[in-house]
Protein backbone atom coordinates (compact mmCIF):
# COMPACT_ATOMS: atom_id res chain seq x y z
CA LEU A 1 -34.62 -42.11 -41.03
CA PHE A 2 -32.39 -42.69 -38.00
CA GLU A 3 -28.99 -44.13 -37.26
CA VAL A 4 -29.43 -47.04 -34.85
CA THR A 5 -26.95 -49.78 -35.75
CA GLY A 6 -24.52 -47.53 -37.61
CA ASP A 7 -24.85 -49.08 -41.07
CA GLU A 8 -28.00 -47.28 -42.18
CA THR A 9 -28.26 -45.02 -45.21
CA ILE A 10 -30.07 -41.94 -43.89
CA ASN A 11 -32.61 -40.26 -46.16
CA PRO A 12 -33.02 -36.61 -45.07
CA ALA A 13 -35.97 -36.02 -47.43
CA THR A 14 -38.04 -38.70 -45.72
CA LEU A 15 -37.44 -37.15 -42.32
CA ALA A 16 -38.45 -33.78 -43.75
CA ILE A 17 -41.78 -35.27 -44.84
CA SER A 18 -42.34 -36.50 -41.29
CA GLY A 19 -42.12 -32.87 -40.19
CA PHE A 20 -45.18 -32.00 -42.27
CA PHE A 21 -47.24 -34.65 -40.52
CA SER A 22 -46.00 -33.78 -37.04
CA VAL A 23 -47.21 -30.19 -37.52
CA LEU A 24 -50.53 -31.39 -38.93
CA ALA A 25 -51.01 -33.35 -35.71
CA GLU A 26 -50.50 -30.13 -33.75
CA GLU A 27 -53.03 -28.24 -35.87
CA ALA A 28 -55.61 -31.04 -35.83
CA PRO A 29 -55.42 -32.81 -32.43
CA SER A 30 -57.71 -35.60 -33.64
CA LEU A 31 -54.97 -36.65 -36.07
CA ASN A 32 -52.60 -39.23 -34.59
CA VAL A 33 -49.13 -39.38 -36.12
CA ARG A 34 -46.59 -42.17 -35.84
CA ILE A 35 -43.10 -42.17 -37.37
CA LEU A 36 -42.17 -45.80 -37.96
CA ASP A 37 -38.63 -46.31 -39.27
CA THR A 38 -38.64 -49.81 -40.77
CA GLY A 39 -34.95 -49.74 -41.64
CA ASN A 40 -33.42 -51.11 -44.81
CA TYR A 41 -35.86 -53.92 -45.51
CA GLY A 42 -35.63 -55.24 -49.05
CA ASN A 43 -38.43 -55.28 -51.61
CA ASN A 44 -39.13 -58.91 -50.80
CA GLN A 45 -39.97 -57.99 -47.21
CA GLN A 46 -42.93 -55.72 -47.90
CA GLN A 47 -45.25 -58.11 -46.10
CA THR A 48 -43.13 -57.82 -42.95
CA ILE A 49 -43.30 -54.02 -43.15
CA ALA A 50 -47.06 -54.14 -43.65
CA LYS A 51 -47.47 -56.30 -40.52
CA ILE A 52 -45.38 -53.86 -38.48
CA ILE A 53 -47.44 -50.90 -39.62
CA ALA A 54 -50.75 -52.69 -39.05
CA ARG A 55 -49.68 -53.73 -35.55
CA ASP A 56 -48.14 -50.48 -34.29
CA LEU A 57 -49.59 -47.58 -36.24
CA PHE A 58 -52.55 -47.15 -33.87
CA ASN A 59 -50.87 -48.43 -30.72
CA ALA A 60 -51.42 -45.57 -28.27
CA GLU A 61 -48.87 -47.00 -25.84
CA LEU A 62 -45.99 -46.49 -28.28
CA PRO A 63 -44.11 -43.18 -28.54
CA GLU A 64 -44.38 -41.08 -31.69
CA VAL A 65 -41.07 -42.35 -33.08
CA VAL A 66 -40.07 -46.05 -33.28
CA ALA A 67 -37.22 -47.60 -35.29
CA TYR A 68 -37.23 -51.31 -36.20
CA ARG A 69 -34.07 -53.24 -36.84
CA GLY A 70 -34.56 -56.95 -37.44
CA LYS A 71 -36.77 -58.29 -34.65
CA GLN A 72 -36.01 -55.39 -32.30
CA ALA A 73 -37.75 -52.06 -31.83
CA PHE A 74 -35.89 -48.95 -30.65
CA VAL A 75 -37.35 -45.75 -29.22
CA ARG A 76 -35.79 -42.30 -29.24
CA ASP A 77 -34.21 -41.09 -26.03
CA ILE A 78 -32.92 -37.63 -25.17
CA GLN A 79 -29.96 -37.40 -22.83
CA PRO A 80 -28.81 -34.16 -21.18
CA LEU A 81 -25.20 -33.30 -21.87
CA ALA A 82 -23.31 -31.89 -18.90
CA LEU A 83 -20.90 -29.12 -19.83
CA ALA A 84 -18.33 -28.11 -17.24
CA GLU A 85 -17.61 -24.43 -16.67
CA GLU A 86 -14.56 -23.29 -18.65
CA THR A 87 -12.90 -19.91 -18.53
CA SER A 88 -11.03 -20.42 -21.79
CA GLU A 89 -11.83 -22.04 -25.11
CA PRO A 90 -11.35 -25.84 -25.42
CA ALA A 91 -7.97 -26.96 -26.67
CA ASN A 92 -9.47 -28.87 -29.62
CA MET A 93 -11.44 -25.86 -30.91
CA PRO A 94 -11.42 -26.01 -34.75
CA VAL A 95 -11.65 -22.20 -35.09
CA LYS A 96 -8.14 -21.01 -35.89
CA GLN A 97 -6.08 -17.88 -36.23
CA GLN A 98 -6.10 -16.42 -39.76
CA GLY A 99 -9.11 -18.63 -40.48
CA THR A 100 -11.60 -17.82 -43.21
CA TYR A 101 -15.27 -18.47 -42.54
CA LEU A 102 -18.41 -18.15 -44.67
CA ILE A 103 -21.71 -17.33 -42.94
CA THR A 104 -25.06 -17.42 -44.73
CA GLY A 105 -27.74 -15.28 -43.13
CA GLY A 106 -24.81 -13.15 -42.01
CA PHE A 107 -26.95 -10.17 -41.06
CA GLY A 108 -29.49 -12.21 -39.06
CA GLY A 109 -29.48 -12.53 -35.29
CA ILE A 110 -27.49 -15.77 -35.03
CA GLY A 111 -25.30 -15.09 -38.06
CA SER A 112 -24.21 -11.63 -36.91
CA THR A 113 -23.53 -12.85 -33.36
CA LEU A 114 -21.31 -15.70 -34.56
CA ALA A 115 -19.60 -13.35 -37.02
CA ASN A 116 -18.66 -11.07 -34.12
CA TYR A 117 -17.33 -14.08 -32.21
CA LEU A 118 -15.19 -15.27 -35.14
CA ALA A 119 -13.92 -11.72 -35.73
CA GLU A 120 -12.28 -11.86 -32.30
CA GLN A 121 -9.89 -14.54 -33.58
CA PRO A 122 -6.60 -12.97 -34.75
CA GLN A 123 -6.65 -11.98 -38.43
CA ALA A 124 -9.96 -13.73 -39.12
CA ASN A 125 -11.51 -13.41 -42.59
CA LEU A 126 -15.29 -13.35 -42.88
CA ILE A 127 -17.55 -13.90 -45.89
CA LEU A 128 -21.12 -12.79 -45.22
CA VAL A 129 -23.93 -13.90 -47.54
CA SER A 130 -27.42 -12.42 -47.28
CA ARG A 131 -30.35 -11.61 -49.55
CA THR A 132 -30.10 -7.93 -48.57
CA ALA A 133 -28.26 -5.81 -51.14
CA LEU A 134 -26.09 -2.95 -49.84
CA PRO A 135 -25.23 0.34 -51.54
CA GLU A 136 -21.71 0.95 -52.82
CA ARG A 137 -19.21 1.43 -49.99
CA ASN A 138 -18.57 5.08 -50.90
CA GLN A 139 -22.28 5.74 -50.26
CA TRP A 140 -22.45 4.10 -46.82
CA ASP A 141 -21.94 7.20 -44.68
CA ASN A 142 -24.52 9.14 -46.66
CA PHE A 143 -27.00 6.26 -46.39
CA ILE A 144 -26.51 6.02 -42.63
CA SER A 145 -27.05 9.77 -42.23
CA ASN A 146 -30.34 9.72 -44.15
CA ASN A 147 -31.96 6.63 -42.62
CA PRO A 148 -33.10 5.59 -39.12
CA ALA A 149 -30.69 3.65 -36.94
CA ASP A 150 -32.89 0.54 -36.98
CA ASN A 151 -33.00 0.36 -40.79
CA LYS A 152 -31.92 -3.16 -41.87
CA ILE A 153 -29.35 -1.87 -44.36
CA VAL A 154 -27.95 0.59 -41.81
CA LEU A 155 -27.56 -2.25 -39.30
CA ALA A 156 -25.82 -4.40 -41.93
CA ILE A 157 -23.35 -1.63 -42.76
CA GLN A 158 -22.68 -1.01 -39.06
CA LEU A 159 -22.05 -4.75 -38.56
CA ILE A 160 -19.42 -4.83 -41.31
CA LYS A 161 -17.70 -1.75 -39.86
CA GLN A 162 -17.75 -3.32 -36.40
CA LEU A 163 -16.18 -6.53 -37.71
CA GLU A 164 -13.50 -4.60 -39.55
CA GLN A 165 -12.70 -2.57 -36.44
CA LYS A 166 -11.93 -5.87 -34.71
CA GLY A 167 -9.29 -6.55 -37.34
CA SER A 168 -11.21 -8.84 -39.71
CA ARG A 169 -11.27 -8.68 -43.46
CA VAL A 170 -14.91 -8.84 -44.53
CA LEU A 171 -16.40 -9.72 -47.91
CA TYR A 172 -20.12 -9.30 -48.45
CA PHE A 173 -22.33 -10.79 -51.16
CA ALA A 174 -26.06 -10.44 -51.81
CA ALA A 175 -27.35 -13.81 -53.01
CA ASP A 176 -29.91 -16.54 -52.53
CA VAL A 177 -28.20 -19.41 -50.74
CA GLY A 178 -30.33 -21.82 -52.77
CA ASP A 179 -28.79 -20.57 -56.03
CA TYR A 180 -25.94 -22.98 -56.87
CA THR A 181 -24.34 -20.79 -59.54
CA ALA A 182 -24.35 -17.70 -57.31
CA ILE A 183 -22.85 -19.53 -54.32
CA GLN A 184 -20.21 -21.19 -56.47
CA GLU A 185 -19.16 -17.80 -57.84
CA ILE A 186 -19.05 -16.32 -54.34
CA VAL A 187 -16.79 -19.12 -53.11
CA GLU A 188 -14.46 -18.77 -56.11
CA LYS A 189 -14.18 -14.98 -55.67
CA SER A 190 -13.61 -15.35 -51.93
CA GLU A 191 -10.90 -17.98 -52.36
CA ASN A 192 -9.13 -15.80 -54.92
CA THR A 193 -9.17 -12.90 -52.43
CA LEU A 194 -8.80 -14.58 -49.03
CA GLY A 195 -7.48 -18.04 -49.75
CA GLU A 196 -8.86 -21.35 -48.54
CA ILE A 197 -12.18 -21.31 -46.66
CA HIS A 198 -11.98 -23.22 -43.37
CA GLY A 199 -15.52 -23.30 -42.07
CA VAL A 200 -19.14 -22.67 -43.08
CA ILE A 201 -22.08 -21.63 -40.90
CA HIS A 202 -25.47 -21.94 -42.59
CA ALA A 203 -27.67 -19.56 -40.55
CA ALA A 204 -29.95 -18.41 -43.37
CA GLY A 205 -33.65 -19.01 -42.89
CA THR A 206 -37.09 -17.56 -43.57
CA ALA A 207 -39.82 -17.17 -40.97
CA ASP A 208 -42.87 -19.41 -41.29
CA GLY A 209 -46.42 -18.88 -40.05
CA ALA A 210 -49.53 -20.23 -41.77
CA LEU A 211 -51.96 -23.03 -40.98
CA ALA A 212 -51.76 -26.03 -43.30
CA ALA A 213 -55.29 -25.46 -44.62
CA GLN A 214 -54.37 -21.94 -45.71
CA ARG A 215 -50.87 -22.46 -47.05
CA THR A 216 -49.78 -22.03 -50.63
CA GLN A 217 -46.95 -23.83 -52.36
CA ALA A 218 -45.17 -20.48 -52.72
CA GLN A 219 -45.15 -20.05 -48.92
CA ASN A 220 -43.61 -23.49 -48.51
CA ASP A 221 -41.06 -22.90 -51.26
CA VAL A 222 -39.69 -19.73 -49.65
CA VAL A 223 -38.97 -21.56 -46.38
CA LEU A 224 -37.64 -24.72 -48.01
CA GLN A 225 -35.41 -22.79 -50.44
CA ALA A 226 -33.21 -21.33 -47.72
CA LYS A 227 -33.06 -24.35 -45.46
CA ILE A 228 -33.19 -27.44 -47.68
CA ARG A 229 -31.92 -26.25 -51.06
CA GLY A 230 -29.42 -23.99 -49.32
CA THR A 231 -28.05 -26.99 -47.41
CA LEU A 232 -27.76 -29.05 -50.61
CA VAL A 233 -26.08 -26.20 -52.51
CA LEU A 234 -23.48 -25.60 -49.79
CA ASP A 235 -22.71 -29.32 -49.57
CA ALA A 236 -22.28 -29.54 -53.36
CA VAL A 237 -20.08 -26.43 -53.61
CA PHE A 238 -17.81 -27.57 -50.76
CA ASN A 239 -17.96 -31.27 -51.61
CA ASN A 240 -14.25 -31.62 -52.38
CA LYS A 241 -12.93 -28.86 -50.15
CA PRO A 242 -11.18 -29.62 -46.83
CA LEU A 243 -13.46 -27.75 -44.42
CA ASP A 244 -12.75 -27.83 -40.69
CA PHE A 245 -16.50 -27.71 -40.02
CA MET A 246 -19.93 -27.26 -41.58
CA VAL A 247 -22.59 -26.02 -39.13
CA TYR A 248 -26.32 -25.91 -39.83
CA CYS A 249 -28.37 -23.64 -37.58
CA SER A 250 -31.47 -25.73 -37.09
CA SER A 251 -34.28 -25.19 -34.58
CA LEU A 252 -35.64 -26.89 -31.49
CA ASN A 253 -39.05 -26.99 -33.15
CA SER A 254 -37.75 -29.93 -35.17
CA LEU A 255 -38.38 -31.88 -31.96
CA LEU A 256 -41.22 -29.70 -30.62
CA PRO A 257 -43.34 -28.83 -33.68
CA GLN A 258 -45.69 -25.85 -33.45
CA THR A 259 -48.80 -24.83 -35.34
CA GLY A 260 -48.17 -22.69 -38.38
CA GLN A 261 -44.60 -23.99 -38.81
CA LEU A 262 -45.17 -26.82 -41.27
CA ALA A 263 -42.43 -26.01 -43.77
CA TYR A 264 -40.00 -24.76 -41.12
CA VAL A 265 -40.20 -27.98 -39.06
CA ALA A 266 -39.77 -30.08 -42.20
CA ALA A 267 -36.73 -28.04 -43.28
CA ASN A 268 -35.06 -28.26 -39.88
CA ARG A 269 -35.57 -32.02 -39.71
CA PHE A 270 -33.93 -32.24 -43.13
CA GLN A 271 -30.89 -30.34 -41.86
CA ASN A 272 -30.63 -32.60 -38.80
CA ALA A 273 -30.72 -35.76 -40.91
CA PHE A 274 -28.33 -34.29 -43.47
CA ALA A 275 -25.81 -33.46 -40.74
CA ARG A 276 -25.93 -37.06 -39.49
CA ALA A 277 -25.57 -38.40 -43.03
CA GLN A 278 -22.51 -36.19 -43.77
CA HIS A 279 -20.81 -36.42 -40.38
CA SER A 280 -18.46 -39.23 -41.40
CA LYS A 281 -17.13 -37.14 -44.32
CA ARG A 282 -16.19 -34.10 -42.21
CA LEU A 283 -17.17 -32.36 -38.97
CA THR A 284 -20.81 -31.61 -39.76
CA LEU A 285 -23.32 -30.70 -37.10
CA ALA A 286 -26.84 -29.36 -36.79
CA ILE A 287 -27.42 -27.15 -33.75
CA ASN A 288 -31.12 -27.10 -32.86
CA TRP A 289 -31.37 -23.70 -31.21
CA ASP A 290 -33.97 -22.65 -28.70
CA THR A 291 -35.23 -19.06 -29.03
CA TRP A 292 -32.49 -16.42 -29.13
CA LEU A 293 -33.06 -13.19 -27.22
CA GLU A 294 -31.78 -9.69 -27.94
CA VAL A 295 -30.99 -10.39 -31.61
CA GLY A 296 -32.89 -11.25 -34.78
CA MET A 297 -36.56 -12.11 -35.27
CA ALA A 298 -36.97 -13.46 -31.75
CA ALA A 299 -35.75 -10.15 -30.31
CA GLU A 300 -38.25 -8.23 -32.42
CA TYR A 301 -41.08 -10.47 -31.24
CA HIS A 302 -39.84 -10.23 -27.66
CA GLN A 303 -39.88 -6.43 -27.85
CA LEU A 304 -43.39 -6.52 -29.30
CA ILE A 305 -44.57 -8.57 -26.31
CA LEU A 306 -42.88 -6.14 -23.91
CA ASN A 307 -44.55 -3.19 -25.59
CA ARG A 308 -47.93 -4.84 -25.38
CA ALA A 309 -47.32 -5.55 -21.71
CA GLY A 310 -46.76 -1.83 -21.11
CA ASN A 311 -42.98 -1.64 -21.72
CA SER A 312 -42.37 -3.86 -18.73
CA SER A 313 -38.73 -4.60 -18.02
CA GLU A 314 -39.62 -8.11 -16.84
CA PRO A 315 -38.66 -10.84 -19.32
CA VAL A 316 -41.67 -12.34 -21.07
CA LEU A 317 -40.02 -15.08 -23.11
CA PRO A 318 -37.32 -17.54 -22.04
CA GLY A 319 -34.41 -17.88 -24.41
CA ILE A 320 -30.70 -17.81 -25.14
CA THR A 321 -28.66 -14.63 -24.82
CA PRO A 322 -26.00 -13.91 -27.46
CA ALA A 323 -23.24 -14.58 -24.89
CA GLU A 324 -24.76 -17.97 -24.08
CA GLY A 325 -25.18 -18.74 -27.77
CA ILE A 326 -21.50 -18.11 -28.39
CA GLN A 327 -20.53 -20.43 -25.53
CA VAL A 328 -22.82 -23.15 -26.88
CA PHE A 329 -21.42 -22.77 -30.39
CA ALA A 330 -17.84 -23.09 -29.17
CA ARG A 331 -18.66 -26.18 -27.11
CA ALA A 332 -20.69 -27.76 -29.93
CA LEU A 333 -17.68 -27.64 -32.27
CA THR A 334 -15.58 -29.62 -29.79
CA ILE A 335 -18.13 -32.26 -28.73
CA GLY A 336 -18.12 -34.06 -32.06
CA LEU A 337 -21.80 -35.05 -32.20
CA PRO A 338 -23.71 -34.44 -35.45
CA GLU A 339 -26.89 -33.17 -33.79
CA LEU A 340 -27.42 -31.17 -30.59
CA LEU A 341 -30.63 -29.87 -28.99
CA ILE A 342 -30.16 -26.57 -27.17
CA SER A 343 -32.94 -25.84 -24.69
CA THR A 344 -33.49 -23.45 -21.79
CA VAL A 345 -35.80 -25.98 -20.10
CA SER A 346 -35.56 -29.68 -19.34
CA LEU A 347 -36.62 -31.42 -22.53
CA THR A 348 -37.23 -34.72 -20.78
CA ASP A 349 -39.63 -33.05 -18.34
CA TYR A 350 -41.34 -31.13 -21.11
CA LEU A 351 -41.83 -34.19 -23.31
CA HIS A 352 -43.15 -36.15 -20.33
CA GLN A 353 -45.67 -33.39 -19.70
CA GLN A 354 -46.69 -33.39 -23.39
CA LEU A 355 -47.18 -37.15 -23.30
CA HIS A 356 -49.59 -36.87 -20.39
CA GLN A 357 -51.36 -33.99 -22.07
CA LYS A 358 -51.98 -36.05 -25.20
CA ALA A 359 -53.27 -38.85 -23.01
CA GLY A 360 -56.00 -36.53 -21.76
CA GLN A 361 -54.49 -35.34 -18.48
CA GLN A 362 -55.15 -31.69 -19.22
CA LEU A 363 -54.86 -30.04 -15.82
CA PRO A 364 -53.20 -26.63 -15.68
CA THR A 365 -49.74 -26.52 -14.15
CA ASN A 366 -49.38 -22.76 -13.83
CA MET A 367 -51.39 -22.54 -10.61
CA ASN A 368 -50.00 -19.13 -9.66
CA ASN A 369 -52.03 -17.59 -12.45
CA ILE A 370 -55.19 -19.64 -12.09
CA ASP A 371 -57.56 -19.72 -9.12
CA ALA A 372 -57.91 -23.34 -8.10
CA ASN A 373 -59.31 -25.34 -5.22
CA PHE A 374 -59.68 -28.99 -4.38
CA ASN A 375 -62.78 -31.10 -3.90
CA ASP A 376 -63.13 -33.74 -1.18
CA LYS A 377 -61.32 -36.27 -3.38
CA GLY A 378 -58.30 -34.03 -3.73
CA GLU A 379 -59.04 -33.33 -7.39
CA VAL A 380 -58.21 -29.93 -8.84
CA LYS A 381 -61.25 -27.83 -9.75
CA ILE A 382 -60.81 -24.73 -11.87
CA THR A 383 -63.52 -22.08 -11.80
CA THR A 384 -65.08 -20.61 -14.92
CA GLU A 385 -63.99 -17.16 -13.81
CA SER A 386 -60.32 -18.07 -13.53
CA ILE A 387 -60.15 -19.53 -17.04
CA GLU A 388 -62.03 -16.57 -18.43
CA GLN A 389 -59.70 -14.14 -16.71
CA GLN A 390 -56.65 -15.89 -18.11
CA VAL A 391 -58.02 -15.83 -21.65
CA ILE A 392 -58.92 -12.13 -21.35
CA LYS A 393 -55.39 -11.34 -20.16
CA ILE A 394 -53.90 -13.21 -23.11
CA TRP A 395 -56.11 -11.41 -25.62
CA LYS A 396 -55.45 -7.99 -24.07
CA ALA A 397 -51.70 -8.57 -23.96
CA HIS A 398 -51.57 -9.83 -27.53
CA PHE A 399 -53.55 -6.95 -29.02
CA ASN A 400 -52.42 -4.35 -26.46
CA GLN A 401 -56.03 -3.31 -25.89
CA ASP A 402 -57.80 -2.85 -22.55
CA ASP A 403 -61.34 -2.58 -23.94
CA ILE A 404 -61.63 -6.29 -24.83
CA ASP A 405 -64.50 -8.05 -23.06
CA VAL A 406 -65.97 -11.56 -23.12
CA GLU A 407 -68.16 -10.80 -26.15
CA THR A 408 -65.52 -9.10 -28.33
CA ASP A 409 -65.32 -10.88 -31.68
CA PHE A 410 -61.82 -12.14 -32.38
CA PHE A 411 -62.03 -11.38 -36.09
CA SER A 412 -62.67 -7.72 -35.38
CA LEU A 413 -59.17 -7.67 -33.86
CA GLY A 414 -56.90 -10.00 -35.78
CA ASP A 415 -56.29 -12.61 -38.48
CA SER A 416 -55.19 -16.24 -38.71
CA ILE A 417 -51.61 -15.46 -37.65
CA ASP A 418 -52.94 -13.82 -34.48
CA ALA A 419 -55.12 -16.91 -34.00
CA ILE A 420 -52.07 -19.20 -34.11
CA GLN A 421 -50.19 -17.09 -31.56
CA ILE A 422 -53.14 -16.66 -29.18
CA LEU A 423 -54.07 -20.35 -29.23
CA GLU A 424 -50.44 -21.28 -28.64
CA GLN A 425 -50.31 -18.98 -25.61
CA ILE A 426 -53.62 -20.31 -24.24
CA ASN A 427 -52.43 -23.90 -24.70
CA LYS A 428 -49.20 -23.11 -22.87
CA THR A 429 -50.87 -21.17 -20.04
CA LEU A 430 -53.71 -23.61 -19.37
CA ASN A 431 -51.83 -26.75 -20.45
CA ILE A 432 -54.57 -27.81 -22.83
CA LYS A 433 -54.75 -28.61 -26.52
CA LEU A 434 -57.02 -26.31 -28.50
CA ALA A 435 -57.48 -27.15 -32.17
CA SER A 436 -56.12 -24.74 -34.75
CA GLY A 437 -59.67 -23.86 -35.82
CA ALA A 438 -61.00 -23.19 -32.31
CA LEU A 439 -61.37 -19.44 -32.78
CA MET A 440 -63.41 -20.03 -35.91
CA ASP A 441 -66.13 -21.79 -33.96
CA PHE A 442 -65.65 -19.95 -30.66
CA PRO A 443 -64.75 -16.40 -31.76
CA ASN A 444 -65.27 -14.62 -28.44
CA ILE A 445 -63.91 -15.22 -24.96
CA GLN A 446 -67.21 -16.35 -23.48
CA LYS A 447 -67.68 -19.10 -26.08
CA LEU A 448 -64.01 -20.04 -26.01
CA THR A 449 -64.06 -20.37 -22.22
CA THR A 450 -67.05 -22.69 -22.38
CA HIS A 451 -65.22 -24.77 -24.98
CA ILE A 452 -62.09 -24.95 -22.82
CA GLU A 453 -64.17 -26.18 -19.89
CA SER A 454 -65.57 -28.95 -22.04
CA LEU A 455 -62.02 -30.13 -22.80
CA THR A 456 -61.22 -30.57 -19.12
CA GLU A 457 -62.64 -33.80 -17.76
CA LYS A 458 -63.52 -32.23 -14.42
CA PHE A 459 -66.03 -30.00 -16.22
CA ALA A 460 -67.17 -32.04 -19.17
CA PRO A 461 -70.89 -32.85 -19.06
CA GLN A 462 -72.32 -35.54 -21.27
CA LYS A 463 -73.24 -33.87 -24.55
CA GLU A 464 -74.27 -34.88 -28.02
CA ALA A 465 -71.75 -34.62 -30.83
CA PRO A 466 -70.63 -30.99 -31.22
CA GLY A 467 -71.97 -29.06 -34.18
CA LEU A 468 -69.92 -28.48 -37.29
CA ILE A 469 -71.52 -25.24 -38.50
CA THR A 470 -70.29 -21.70 -37.86
CA GLN A 471 -72.30 -18.66 -38.91
CA LEU A 472 -70.06 -16.27 -40.83
CA LYS A 473 -72.53 -13.61 -41.89
CA MET A 474 -76.04 -12.74 -40.70
CA ALA A 475 -78.86 -11.28 -42.79
CA SER A 476 -82.61 -10.94 -42.40
CA ALA A 477 -84.82 -13.88 -41.45
CA LYS A 478 -86.10 -14.09 -45.04
CA ALA A 479 -82.65 -14.01 -46.60
CA LYS A 480 -81.37 -17.03 -48.48
CA LYS A 481 -78.95 -19.28 -46.63
CA ILE A 482 -75.63 -20.33 -48.14
CA PHE A 483 -73.60 -23.23 -46.72
CA LEU A 484 -69.86 -23.43 -47.50
CA ILE A 485 -68.35 -26.90 -47.13
CA HIS A 486 -64.74 -27.12 -45.96
CA PRO A 487 -61.98 -27.94 -48.49
CA VAL A 488 -59.22 -30.50 -48.02
CA GLY A 489 -57.73 -29.81 -44.61
CA GLY A 490 -61.07 -29.48 -42.88
CA THR A 491 -60.82 -25.90 -41.57
CA THR A 492 -62.82 -22.91 -42.81
CA TYR A 493 -60.91 -19.84 -41.57
CA PHE A 494 -60.46 -18.28 -44.99
CA TYR A 495 -64.20 -18.44 -45.78
CA ARG A 496 -64.72 -15.31 -43.69
CA ALA A 497 -63.36 -13.12 -46.47
CA LEU A 498 -65.58 -14.96 -48.98
CA ALA A 499 -68.61 -14.49 -46.76
CA ASP A 500 -68.03 -10.73 -46.63
CA ALA A 501 -68.17 -10.64 -50.42
CA PHE A 502 -71.78 -11.89 -50.52
CA THR A 503 -74.59 -9.35 -50.79
CA SER A 504 -76.58 -8.31 -47.74
CA ASP A 505 -79.51 -10.63 -48.59
CA ALA A 506 -77.59 -13.83 -47.74
CA THR A 507 -76.83 -15.52 -44.42
CA VAL A 508 -73.58 -17.47 -44.80
CA TYR A 509 -72.52 -20.56 -42.85
CA ALA A 510 -69.33 -22.66 -42.94
CA ILE A 511 -69.15 -26.39 -42.22
CA HIS A 512 -65.81 -27.69 -40.93
CA ALA A 513 -64.79 -31.33 -40.89
CA GLN A 514 -65.62 -33.65 -38.02
CA GLY A 515 -62.51 -34.16 -35.88
CA ILE A 516 -61.08 -30.68 -36.45
CA ASN A 517 -62.38 -29.14 -33.22
CA ASP A 518 -63.42 -32.26 -31.32
CA ASP A 519 -62.19 -35.73 -30.44
CA LEU A 520 -64.52 -37.56 -32.85
CA PRO A 521 -62.93 -39.66 -35.58
CA PRO A 522 -62.74 -38.04 -39.02
CA LEU A 523 -65.34 -39.09 -41.57
CA THR A 524 -63.70 -41.22 -44.23
CA SER A 525 -66.36 -41.60 -46.92
CA ILE A 526 -68.45 -39.22 -49.01
CA ASP A 527 -71.65 -40.98 -47.90
CA ALA A 528 -70.81 -40.44 -44.22
CA MET A 529 -69.99 -36.78 -44.84
CA VAL A 530 -73.25 -36.21 -46.74
CA LEU A 531 -75.34 -37.73 -43.95
CA ARG A 532 -73.58 -35.77 -41.19
CA TYR A 533 -73.45 -32.45 -43.01
CA LEU A 534 -77.05 -32.67 -44.21
CA SER A 535 -78.12 -33.38 -40.63
CA GLU A 536 -76.26 -30.24 -39.52
CA ILE A 537 -77.80 -28.14 -42.28
CA ARG A 538 -81.33 -29.31 -41.45
CA ARG A 539 -80.97 -27.96 -37.92
CA ILE A 540 -80.86 -24.52 -39.52
CA GLN A 541 -82.90 -25.06 -42.69
CA PRO A 542 -85.17 -28.10 -42.34
CA HIS A 543 -86.13 -28.26 -46.02
CA GLY A 544 -84.30 -27.77 -49.32
CA PRO A 545 -83.29 -26.77 -51.82
CA TYR A 546 -79.89 -25.95 -50.32
CA ILE A 547 -77.21 -23.62 -51.61
């Protein structure tokens, strides 16, 4: 997985798989994940590997990632890289005059920004690849006149015109970067027109956003196609070509996985490992970007947040400006490292905070927004009202509605994507760790606040094991009762739509897995599940038969 001694053979696919599990741990806090890199042990050393796993897999004192080489264990460390202020570009900058550069995702936020930067080099040639098809050039002016300025095709046409006004020759191709034949043809046509290609920037990507329990293979494939297959295709097409650089635009969430980003985290980890594996062949680097502002998907989301906040001019999200992104890109090409993490906050401080949070130290750090006082022992005490107020503010800001109160049902306002975003904001604001299914069991602010209090040790009273049943649909007292058991994954979000399909003479309940919304260990046998679930059902319906 990782290069420690320098003689390892890195397997990017294995690191991609680790991304799946890291996101699962975010969505189900009761799931503990360890990434144990056992190195290049031979087949005759399986017993040694088994002993390592048995000893360290459940060792809470170890970090998430450990690499073993011989009798030594290595842990991952992140070091800040000091960059001195420079008024001009570094002398060893591989971007050259009359250079020809191919950019995938050329109309996206990062791709278009870097295209503008490269176009400022004298007589630069640019090849932009995107999935968006454009009309014939002789129809461009007419298309612009008959469509809004923020139309994606209008913006793409305007970008090409802007690049050409800077003196660049621009070729554009509509293609899937994961299609080997299409990319090979594009490269051949471009070389016939512009000559040798000197650098490649792989900025293509597809947004992700679905909980693991609700994902389909098709959703995963769309994300993996652009990032993983696209990376493999570009490497194969340019395998024997003398590139000055190959840059993969990865993401900081490869290190800081988020709920709903299972395929995206996996794909970015693949790109990081692939860059390290190919670095000895040519200058290959993966830049793990923090959020970009003003351009691309992040800008659209940023504007949405501003609109919901009442068109406030105050920045809501931290991030990288296009000017800063260009500076980082230029420096990254001269540093010579295969993988860089670009962050607007101290990663060491953030990871330290996350470590304490996972250890159960879940005290809020944003004290300006939360009313707090101290008891006679100097311990922080947070009032019910302050937590409730914070949650209400988050809901109102997200949905841009002022009529939300403590009893408003979440599912009358939004869906599972909204749930991911709201829980992420609550976790960040209150510095806690709500499970991905929390809004299923606590669908209004009053119930959610009570649940949040129970997660904070200062509030937590001694209680019996939390219940596993959520009522999805209510009918009359004489109506039959239907109990829906969770599928693989443990959550039951999507049962709400199924419950609505039942007739009015049925009360519908959902049973989620133990460990999804609590700290109890998951049940590992059918017998244990039957006993626990039947006990839960009998609280509602003491006698069978059960449906």
